[in-house]
Amino acid sequence: MPTYRIVVKHHRNKKFIVRRFPIFTGYVFVNLPTQRFVPVEAVEGVGKRLKYSRTYGEAPAVQLPARSD
């Protein structure tokens, strides 16, 4: 799970402590080898799922102007 860390000083013994906190609270990251999302969506408490894919769907072909470096 992605986290960030904060170094804080203990108030009594003045030692430094590294604390880790989640960046995305309430999210669970699941690596599914197939496109079987039904078991994940059936879990109580799952509201929505975010999909990561290497293909971004169909986008219209756009001709970009040439760079003038």
C-alpha atoms as a PDB file:
ATOM      1  CA  MET A   1       0.000   0.000   0.000  1.00  0.00           C
ATOM      2  CA  PRO A   2       1.383   3.430  -0.821  1.00  0.00           C
ATOM      3  CA  THR A   3       2.382   5.317   2.313  1.00  0.00           C
ATOM      4  CA  TYR A   4       4.136   8.481   3.329  1.00  0.00           C
ATOM      5  CA  ARG A   5       6.309   8.860   6.374  1.00  0.00           C
ATOM      6  CA  ILE A   6       6.767  11.513   9.000  1.00  0.00           C
ATOM      7  CA  VAL A   7       9.621  11.680  11.480  1.00  0.00           C
ATOM      8  CA  VAL A   8       8.408  12.926  14.861  1.00  0.00           C
ATOM      9  CA  LYS A   9      10.125  13.458  18.179  1.00  0.00           C
ATOM     10  CA  HIS A  10       8.699  11.605  21.177  1.00  0.00           C
ATOM     11  CA  HIS A  11       7.523  14.081  23.797  1.00  0.00           C
ATOM     12  CA  ARG A  12       9.052  12.286  26.806  1.00  0.00           C
ATOM     13  CA  ASN A  13      12.262  10.597  25.737  1.00  0.00           C
ATOM     14  CA  LYS A  14      13.010  12.966  22.798  1.00  0.00           C
ATOM     15  CA  LYS A  15      13.832  10.065  20.466  1.00  0.00           C
ATOM     16  CA  PHE A  16      12.900  10.324  16.810  1.00  0.00           C
ATOM     17  CA  ILE A  17      10.190   7.969  15.618  1.00  0.00           C
ATOM     18  CA  VAL A  18       9.310   7.203  11.999  1.00  0.00           C
ATOM     19  CA  ARG A  19       5.534   7.063  11.513  1.00  0.00           C
ATOM     20  CA  ARG A  20       3.951   5.713   8.320  1.00  0.00           C
ATOM     21  CA  PHE A  21       0.519   6.798   7.130  1.00  0.00           C
ATOM     22  CA  PRO A  22      -1.491   5.542   4.147  1.00  0.00           C
ATOM     23  CA  ILE A  23      -1.839   7.879   1.201  1.00  0.00           C
ATOM     24  CA  PHE A  24      -5.100   6.378  -0.013  1.00  0.00           C
ATOM     25  CA  THR A  25      -7.204   5.673   3.074  1.00  0.00           C
ATOM     26  CA  GLY A  26     -10.133   3.407   2.408  1.00  0.00           C
ATOM     27  CA  TYR A  27      -8.634   1.891  -0.753  1.00  0.00           C
ATOM     28  CA  VAL A  28      -7.411  -1.654  -1.253  1.00  0.00           C
ATOM     29  CA  PHE A  29      -5.034  -2.497  -4.076  1.00  0.00           C
ATOM     30  CA  VAL A  30      -5.736  -5.855  -5.706  1.00  0.00           C
ATOM     31  CA  ASN A  31      -3.694  -7.470  -8.450  1.00  0.00           C
ATOM     32  CA  LEU A  32      -6.049  -9.662 -10.441  1.00  0.00           C
ATOM     33  CA  PRO A  33      -4.469 -11.938 -13.055  1.00  0.00           C
ATOM     34  CA  THR A  34      -7.731 -12.080 -15.019  1.00  0.00           C
ATOM     35  CA  GLN A  35     -10.658  -9.775 -15.636  1.00  0.00           C
ATOM     36  CA  ARG A  36     -12.792 -11.385 -12.902  1.00  0.00           C
ATOM     37  CA  PHE A  37     -14.086  -8.405 -10.926  1.00  0.00           C
ATOM     38  CA  VAL A  38     -17.299 -10.018  -9.670  1.00  0.00           C
ATOM     39  CA  PRO A  39     -15.718 -11.620  -6.553  1.00  0.00           C
ATOM     40  CA  VAL A  40     -14.159  -8.289  -5.583  1.00  0.00           C
ATOM     41  CA  GLU A  41     -17.379  -6.358  -6.147  1.00  0.00           C
ATOM     42  CA  ALA A  42     -19.285  -8.932  -4.051  1.00  0.00           C
ATOM     43  CA  VAL A  43     -17.322  -8.022  -0.908  1.00  0.00           C
ATOM     44  CA  GLU A  44     -19.434  -6.037   1.538  1.00  0.00           C
ATOM     45  CA  GLY A  45     -18.267  -2.450   1.721  1.00  0.00           C
ATOM     46  CA  VAL A  46     -16.917  -2.198  -1.821  1.00  0.00           C
ATOM     47  CA  GLY A  47     -18.509   0.862  -3.379  1.00  0.00           C
ATOM     48  CA  LYS A  48     -16.633   1.201  -6.648  1.00  0.00           C
ATOM     49  CA  ARG A  49     -13.551  -0.150  -8.302  1.00  0.00           C
ATOM     50  CA  LEU A  50     -10.857   1.768 -10.068  1.00  0.00           C
ATOM     51  CA  LYS A  51      -9.518   0.063 -13.145  1.00  0.00           C
ATOM     52  CA  TYR A  52      -5.933   0.301 -14.300  1.00  0.00           C
ATOM     53  CA  SER A  53      -5.255  -0.883 -17.792  1.00  0.00           C
ATOM     54  CA  ARG A  54      -2.405  -0.516 -20.207  1.00  0.00           C
ATOM     55  CA  THR A  55      -4.940   0.174 -22.937  1.00  0.00           C
ATOM     56  CA  TYR A  56      -6.755   3.445 -22.505  1.00  0.00           C
ATOM     57  CA  GLY A  57      -9.704   2.771 -24.751  1.00  0.00           C
ATOM     58  CA  GLU A  58     -10.387   4.178 -28.131  1.00  0.00           C
ATOM     59  CA  ALA A  59      -9.371   7.780 -28.652  1.00  0.00           C
ATOM     60  CA  PRO A  60      -9.760   9.746 -31.852  1.00  0.00           C
ATOM     61  CA  ALA A  61      -6.628  10.001 -33.944  1.00  0.00           C
ATOM     62  CA  VAL A  62      -5.159  13.477 -33.603  1.00  0.00           C
ATOM     63  CA  GLN A  63      -2.374  14.902 -35.755  1.00  0.00           C
ATOM     64  CA  LEU A  64       0.048  16.839 -33.547  1.00  0.00           C
ATOM     65  CA  PRO A  65       2.050  19.698 -35.062  1.00  0.00           C
ATOM     66  CA  ALA A  66       5.758  19.126 -35.558  1.00  0.00           C
ATOM     67  CA  ARG A  67       8.069  20.466 -32.868  1.00  0.00           C
ATOM     68  CA  SER A  68      10.085  23.529 -33.770  1.00  0.00           C
ATOM     69  CA  ASP A  69      13.143  23.089 -31.547  1.00  0.00           C
END
